[in-house]
Amino acid sequence: MDFVYSILTGFGSKTFYVQVKNIYNESNVRIITTNYIDNYVLITLNSIYINDDSAYTTVQDVSVFANFSGIPTHYKIGETSDLTESNWIIWPDSSTSTVPYTLSTGYGIKTVYL
């Protein structure tokens, strides 16, 4: 028999006291102790590459490969280092490391920040 119970406060050692009954009697009290841990994994962006680290592109639409640890859920991307003009975008899929980006108009050297 499975029961769902939500832990309401903080991480650490948790003790549960469980007892069941039916119309005839009550069971003894079982004590269960578990360690509730935070499964949050810090995400670190190590490097990015544009179009498989190509030296140049002739099109504005590029693929940006991100080398990271952890599991991203959202990202910001743009051509300004503070990314203040960029909005959070949902990461496409936890199994992918590549996101699309459209470079600004005009020829010349572009820097992409992720």
N, C-alpha and C. Protein backbone atom coordinates (compact mmCIF):
# COMPACT_ATOMS: atom_id res chain seq x y z
N MET A 1 0.85 -1.16 0.00
CA MET A 1 0.00 0.00 0.00
C MET A 1 0.91 1.23 0.00
N ASP A 2 0.64 2.18 -0.89
CA ASP A 2 1.43 3.41 -0.98
C ASP A 2 0.63 4.60 -0.48
N PHE A 3 1.30 5.48 0.23
CA PHE A 3 0.70 6.71 0.69
C PHE A 3 1.59 7.87 0.26
N VAL A 4 0.99 8.96 -0.11
CA VAL A 4 1.74 10.16 -0.49
C VAL A 4 1.72 11.13 0.68
N TYR A 5 2.90 11.64 1.01
CA TYR A 5 3.01 12.61 2.08
C TYR A 5 3.98 13.68 1.64
N SER A 6 3.64 14.94 1.83
CA SER A 6 4.52 16.05 1.45
C SER A 6 5.28 16.54 2.66
N ILE A 7 6.60 16.66 2.49
CA ILE A 7 7.44 17.23 3.54
C ILE A 7 7.29 18.74 3.45
N LEU A 8 6.90 19.34 4.56
CA LEU A 8 6.54 20.75 4.53
C LEU A 8 7.67 21.71 4.87
N THR A 9 8.70 21.25 5.55
CA THR A 9 9.75 22.18 5.95
C THR A 9 11.13 21.60 5.70
N GLY A 10 12.04 22.42 5.28
CA GLY A 10 13.47 22.19 5.18
C GLY A 10 14.02 20.82 4.85
N PHE A 11 15.31 20.78 4.60
CA PHE A 11 16.03 19.57 4.30
C PHE A 11 16.66 19.00 5.57
N GLY A 12 17.04 17.75 5.52
CA GLY A 12 17.70 17.12 6.65
C GLY A 12 17.01 15.83 7.04
N SER A 13 17.33 15.34 8.22
CA SER A 13 16.76 14.09 8.71
C SER A 13 15.29 14.30 9.07
N LYS A 14 14.43 13.40 8.59
CA LYS A 14 12.99 13.49 8.85
C LYS A 14 12.53 12.16 9.44
N THR A 15 11.70 12.23 10.45
CA THR A 15 11.16 11.03 11.08
C THR A 15 9.65 11.03 10.89
N PHE A 16 9.14 9.90 10.42
CA PHE A 16 7.71 9.73 10.21
C PHE A 16 7.19 8.67 11.15
N TYR A 17 6.03 8.92 11.72
CA TYR A 17 5.36 7.97 12.58
C TYR A 17 4.10 7.53 11.85
N VAL A 18 3.97 6.24 11.63
CA VAL A 18 2.86 5.73 10.82
C VAL A 18 2.10 4.69 11.61
N GLN A 19 0.78 4.81 11.54
CA GLN A 19 -0.09 3.84 12.19
C GLN A 19 -1.31 3.66 11.29
N VAL A 20 -1.81 2.46 11.20
CA VAL A 20 -3.02 2.19 10.42
C VAL A 20 -4.05 1.51 11.31
N LYS A 21 -5.29 1.53 10.86
CA LYS A 21 -6.32 0.82 11.62
C LYS A 21 -7.42 0.37 10.66
N ASN A 22 -8.21 -0.54 11.12
CA ASN A 22 -9.42 -0.95 10.42
C ASN A 22 -10.55 -0.96 11.44
N ILE A 23 -11.67 -1.56 11.09
CA ILE A 23 -12.80 -1.51 12.01
C ILE A 23 -12.61 -2.39 13.25
N TYR A 24 -11.56 -3.24 13.21
CA TYR A 24 -11.36 -4.17 14.32
C TYR A 24 -10.28 -3.74 15.31
N ASN A 25 -9.22 -3.14 14.82
CA ASN A 25 -8.15 -2.74 15.74
C ASN A 25 -7.20 -1.74 15.09
N GLU A 26 -6.24 -1.30 15.90
CA GLU A 26 -5.20 -0.38 15.44
C GLU A 26 -3.86 -1.11 15.43
N SER A 27 -3.00 -0.72 14.47
CA SER A 27 -1.67 -1.34 14.40
C SER A 27 -0.74 -0.67 15.40
N ASN A 28 0.43 -1.27 15.55
CA ASN A 28 1.49 -0.61 16.30
C ASN A 28 1.97 0.59 15.49
N VAL A 29 2.73 1.47 16.10
CA VAL A 29 3.27 2.65 15.42
C VAL A 29 4.63 2.28 14.83
N ARG A 30 4.79 2.52 13.55
CA ARG A 30 6.09 2.30 12.88
C ARG A 30 6.79 3.63 12.78
N ILE A 31 8.09 3.63 13.01
CA ILE A 31 8.91 4.84 12.92
C ILE A 31 9.83 4.68 11.72
N ILE A 32 9.79 5.65 10.84
CA ILE A 32 10.62 5.63 9.63
C ILE A 32 11.42 6.92 9.60
N THR A 33 12.73 6.79 9.46
CA THR A 33 13.60 7.97 9.37
C THR A 33 14.26 7.99 8.00
N THR A 34 14.26 9.15 7.39
CA THR A 34 14.90 9.32 6.08
C THR A 34 15.64 10.64 6.05
N ASN A 35 16.58 10.77 5.15
CA ASN A 35 17.32 12.01 5.00
C ASN A 35 16.81 12.71 3.74
N TYR A 36 16.15 13.84 3.91
CA TYR A 36 15.59 14.60 2.80
C TYR A 36 16.66 15.58 2.31
N ILE A 37 17.14 15.38 1.08
CA ILE A 37 18.23 16.21 0.56
C ILE A 37 17.75 17.04 -0.63
N ASP A 38 18.44 18.12 -0.86
CA ASP A 38 18.16 18.98 -2.00
C ASP A 38 18.85 18.38 -3.21
N ASN A 39 18.08 18.04 -4.24
CA ASN A 39 18.70 17.49 -5.44
C ASN A 39 19.07 18.57 -6.45
N TYR A 40 19.07 19.81 -6.00
CA TYR A 40 19.47 20.93 -6.84
C TYR A 40 20.94 20.77 -7.22
N VAL A 41 21.20 20.85 -8.49
CA VAL A 41 22.57 20.75 -8.99
C VAL A 41 22.95 22.10 -9.57
N LEU A 42 24.03 22.63 -9.09
CA LEU A 42 24.53 23.90 -9.60
C LEU A 42 24.82 23.76 -11.08
N ILE A 43 24.41 24.74 -11.86
CA ILE A 43 24.69 24.70 -13.30
C ILE A 43 25.85 25.64 -13.59
N THR A 44 26.78 25.18 -14.40
CA THR A 44 27.96 25.96 -14.75
C THR A 44 28.11 25.95 -16.26
N LEU A 45 28.21 27.13 -16.86
CA LEU A 45 28.47 27.26 -18.29
C LEU A 45 29.97 27.36 -18.49
N ASN A 46 30.55 26.37 -19.16
CA ASN A 46 32.00 26.32 -19.34
C ASN A 46 32.46 27.06 -20.60
N SER A 47 31.76 26.87 -21.70
CA SER A 47 32.13 27.52 -22.96
C SER A 47 30.99 27.41 -23.95
N ILE A 48 31.06 28.23 -25.00
CA ILE A 48 30.08 28.14 -26.09
C ILE A 48 30.83 28.17 -27.42
N TYR A 49 30.22 27.56 -28.42
CA TYR A 49 30.77 27.53 -29.77
C TYR A 49 29.65 27.85 -30.75
N ILE A 50 29.96 28.60 -31.77
CA ILE A 50 28.97 28.94 -32.80
C ILE A 50 29.26 28.13 -34.05
N ASN A 51 28.21 27.50 -34.57
CA ASN A 51 28.32 26.70 -35.80
C ASN A 51 29.53 25.77 -35.77
N ASP A 52 29.59 24.92 -34.77
CA ASP A 52 30.68 23.95 -34.63
C ASP A 52 32.06 24.61 -34.59
N ASP A 53 32.13 25.79 -33.97
CA ASP A 53 33.38 26.54 -33.80
C ASP A 53 33.96 27.02 -35.13
N SER A 54 33.08 27.30 -36.06
CA SER A 54 33.50 27.83 -37.36
C SER A 54 34.05 29.25 -37.19
N ALA A 55 35.01 29.61 -37.99
CA ALA A 55 35.64 30.94 -37.92
C ALA A 55 34.74 32.03 -38.48
N TYR A 56 33.79 31.66 -39.34
CA TYR A 56 32.90 32.66 -39.93
C TYR A 56 31.59 32.00 -40.33
N THR A 57 30.60 32.86 -40.63
CA THR A 57 29.31 32.39 -41.14
C THR A 57 28.84 33.36 -42.21
N THR A 58 28.07 32.88 -43.14
CA THR A 58 27.52 33.73 -44.19
C THR A 58 26.02 33.95 -43.99
N VAL A 59 25.47 33.40 -42.90
CA VAL A 59 24.05 33.55 -42.60
C VAL A 59 23.87 34.06 -41.17
N GLN A 60 22.74 34.70 -40.92
CA GLN A 60 22.48 35.24 -39.59
C GLN A 60 22.02 34.18 -38.60
N ASP A 61 21.35 33.14 -39.08
CA ASP A 61 20.84 32.09 -38.19
C ASP A 61 21.95 31.09 -37.90
N VAL A 62 22.33 31.00 -36.63
CA VAL A 62 23.43 30.13 -36.24
C VAL A 62 22.98 29.17 -35.14
N SER A 63 23.78 28.13 -34.93
CA SER A 63 23.57 27.20 -33.82
C SER A 63 24.65 27.47 -32.78
N VAL A 64 24.22 27.64 -31.54
CA VAL A 64 25.15 27.90 -30.45
C VAL A 64 25.22 26.66 -29.57
N PHE A 65 26.39 26.06 -29.51
CA PHE A 65 26.61 24.87 -28.69
C PHE A 65 27.11 25.33 -27.33
N ALA A 66 26.49 24.84 -26.28
CA ALA A 66 26.88 25.19 -24.91
C ALA A 66 27.50 23.99 -24.22
N ASN A 67 28.69 24.17 -23.68
CA ASN A 67 29.36 23.15 -22.88
C ASN A 67 29.11 23.52 -21.42
N PHE A 68 28.33 22.70 -20.71
CA PHE A 68 27.94 23.04 -19.34
C PHE A 68 27.86 21.79 -18.49
N SER A 69 27.79 22.01 -17.19
CA SER A 69 27.47 20.94 -16.25
C SER A 69 26.17 21.31 -15.57
N GLY A 70 25.38 20.33 -15.21
CA GLY A 70 24.05 20.58 -14.66
C GLY A 70 23.00 20.43 -15.74
N ILE A 71 21.77 20.77 -15.41
CA ILE A 71 20.67 20.65 -16.35
C ILE A 71 19.98 22.00 -16.47
N PRO A 72 20.14 22.67 -17.63
CA PRO A 72 19.50 23.98 -17.79
C PRO A 72 18.00 23.85 -18.03
N THR A 73 17.25 24.83 -17.56
CA THR A 73 15.82 24.91 -17.85
C THR A 73 15.51 26.12 -18.71
N HIS A 74 16.32 27.17 -18.60
CA HIS A 74 16.13 28.41 -19.35
C HIS A 74 17.49 28.98 -19.71
N TYR A 75 17.50 29.90 -20.67
CA TYR A 75 18.74 30.57 -21.04
C TYR A 75 18.44 31.96 -21.57
N LYS A 76 19.45 32.81 -21.53
CA LYS A 76 19.43 34.12 -22.17
C LYS A 76 20.57 34.13 -23.17
N ILE A 77 20.35 34.77 -24.29
CA ILE A 77 21.39 34.85 -25.32
C ILE A 77 21.28 36.20 -26.00
N GLY A 78 22.41 36.77 -26.34
CA GLY A 78 22.40 38.08 -27.01
C GLY A 78 23.81 38.52 -27.36
N GLU A 79 23.89 39.76 -27.83
CA GLU A 79 25.18 40.31 -28.25
C GLU A 79 25.67 41.42 -27.32
N THR A 80 25.06 41.53 -26.14
CA THR A 80 25.56 42.45 -25.11
C THR A 80 25.91 41.62 -23.88
N SER A 81 27.02 41.94 -23.25
CA SER A 81 27.55 41.09 -22.18
C SER A 81 26.65 41.00 -20.95
N ASP A 82 25.84 42.03 -20.68
CA ASP A 82 24.99 41.97 -19.49
C ASP A 82 23.64 41.29 -19.76
N LEU A 83 23.34 41.03 -21.02
CA LEU A 83 22.11 40.34 -21.44
C LEU A 83 20.83 41.00 -20.92
N THR A 84 20.90 42.29 -20.59
CA THR A 84 19.72 42.98 -20.05
C THR A 84 18.61 43.12 -21.08
N GLU A 85 18.95 43.11 -22.35
CA GLU A 85 17.92 43.24 -23.38
C GLU A 85 17.42 41.88 -23.85
N SER A 86 17.87 40.82 -23.21
CA SER A 86 17.46 39.46 -23.57
C SER A 86 16.45 38.93 -22.57
N ASN A 87 15.53 38.14 -23.05
CA ASN A 87 14.54 37.51 -22.19
C ASN A 87 14.93 36.05 -21.94
N TRP A 88 14.44 35.52 -20.84
CA TRP A 88 14.65 34.11 -20.57
C TRP A 88 13.87 33.28 -21.57
N ILE A 89 14.51 32.27 -22.12
CA ILE A 89 13.91 31.36 -23.10
C ILE A 89 13.99 29.95 -22.52
N ILE A 90 12.96 29.18 -22.71
CA ILE A 90 12.96 27.80 -22.21
C ILE A 90 13.99 26.99 -22.97
N TRP A 91 14.84 26.27 -22.23
CA TRP A 91 15.84 25.40 -22.86
C TRP A 91 15.08 24.35 -23.64
N PRO A 92 15.46 24.10 -24.90
CA PRO A 92 14.64 23.26 -25.78
C PRO A 92 14.44 21.82 -25.30
N ASP A 93 15.45 21.21 -24.74
CA ASP A 93 15.36 19.79 -24.36
C ASP A 93 16.58 19.47 -23.51
N SER A 94 16.37 18.75 -22.42
CA SER A 94 17.49 18.46 -21.52
C SER A 94 18.55 17.58 -22.17
N SER A 95 18.23 16.95 -23.28
CA SER A 95 19.22 16.09 -23.94
C SER A 95 20.02 16.82 -25.01
N THR A 96 19.75 18.10 -25.23
CA THR A 96 20.47 18.85 -26.26
C THR A 96 21.41 19.88 -25.64
N SER A 97 22.46 20.20 -26.38
CA SER A 97 23.41 21.22 -25.93
C SER A 97 23.46 22.39 -26.89
N THR A 98 22.54 22.42 -27.85
CA THR A 98 22.57 23.45 -28.90
C THR A 98 21.28 24.24 -28.88
N VAL A 99 21.42 25.57 -29.01
CA VAL A 99 20.26 26.45 -29.12
C VAL A 99 20.42 27.33 -30.35
N PRO A 100 19.32 27.75 -30.97
CA PRO A 100 19.41 28.61 -32.14
C PRO A 100 19.57 30.07 -31.75
N TYR A 101 20.18 30.86 -32.63
CA TYR A 101 20.31 32.30 -32.41
C TYR A 101 20.40 33.00 -33.76
N THR A 102 19.78 34.18 -33.86
CA THR A 102 19.87 34.99 -35.07
C THR A 102 20.75 36.19 -34.77
N LEU A 103 21.86 36.28 -35.48
CA LEU A 103 22.80 37.40 -35.30
C LEU A 103 22.16 38.70 -35.76
N SER A 104 22.63 39.81 -35.20
CA SER A 104 22.15 41.12 -35.61
C SER A 104 22.54 41.38 -37.07
N THR A 105 21.84 42.33 -37.69
CA THR A 105 22.13 42.64 -39.10
C THR A 105 23.48 43.32 -39.23
N GLY A 106 24.04 43.22 -40.40
CA GLY A 106 25.32 43.86 -40.68
C GLY A 106 26.46 42.86 -40.65
N TYR A 107 27.47 43.14 -41.45
CA TYR A 107 28.65 42.29 -41.53
C TYR A 107 29.66 42.70 -40.47
N GLY A 108 30.56 41.81 -40.15
CA GLY A 108 31.62 42.13 -39.20
C GLY A 108 31.67 41.13 -38.07
N ILE A 109 32.58 41.39 -37.16
CA ILE A 109 32.77 40.50 -36.02
C ILE A 109 31.60 40.65 -35.05
N LYS A 110 31.06 39.52 -34.63
CA LYS A 110 29.95 39.50 -33.67
C LYS A 110 30.40 38.70 -32.46
N THR A 111 29.97 39.13 -31.28
CA THR A 111 30.23 38.39 -30.05
C THR A 111 28.88 37.97 -29.49
N VAL A 112 28.74 36.68 -29.20
CA VAL A 112 27.49 36.16 -28.66
C VAL A 112 27.73 35.77 -27.21
N TYR A 113 26.80 36.18 -26.34
CA TYR A 113 26.87 35.86 -24.92
C TYR A 113 25.70 34.96 -24.56
N LEU A 114 25.97 33.97 -23.74
CA LEU A 114 24.95 33.03 -23.31
C LEU A 114 24.96 32.96 -21.79
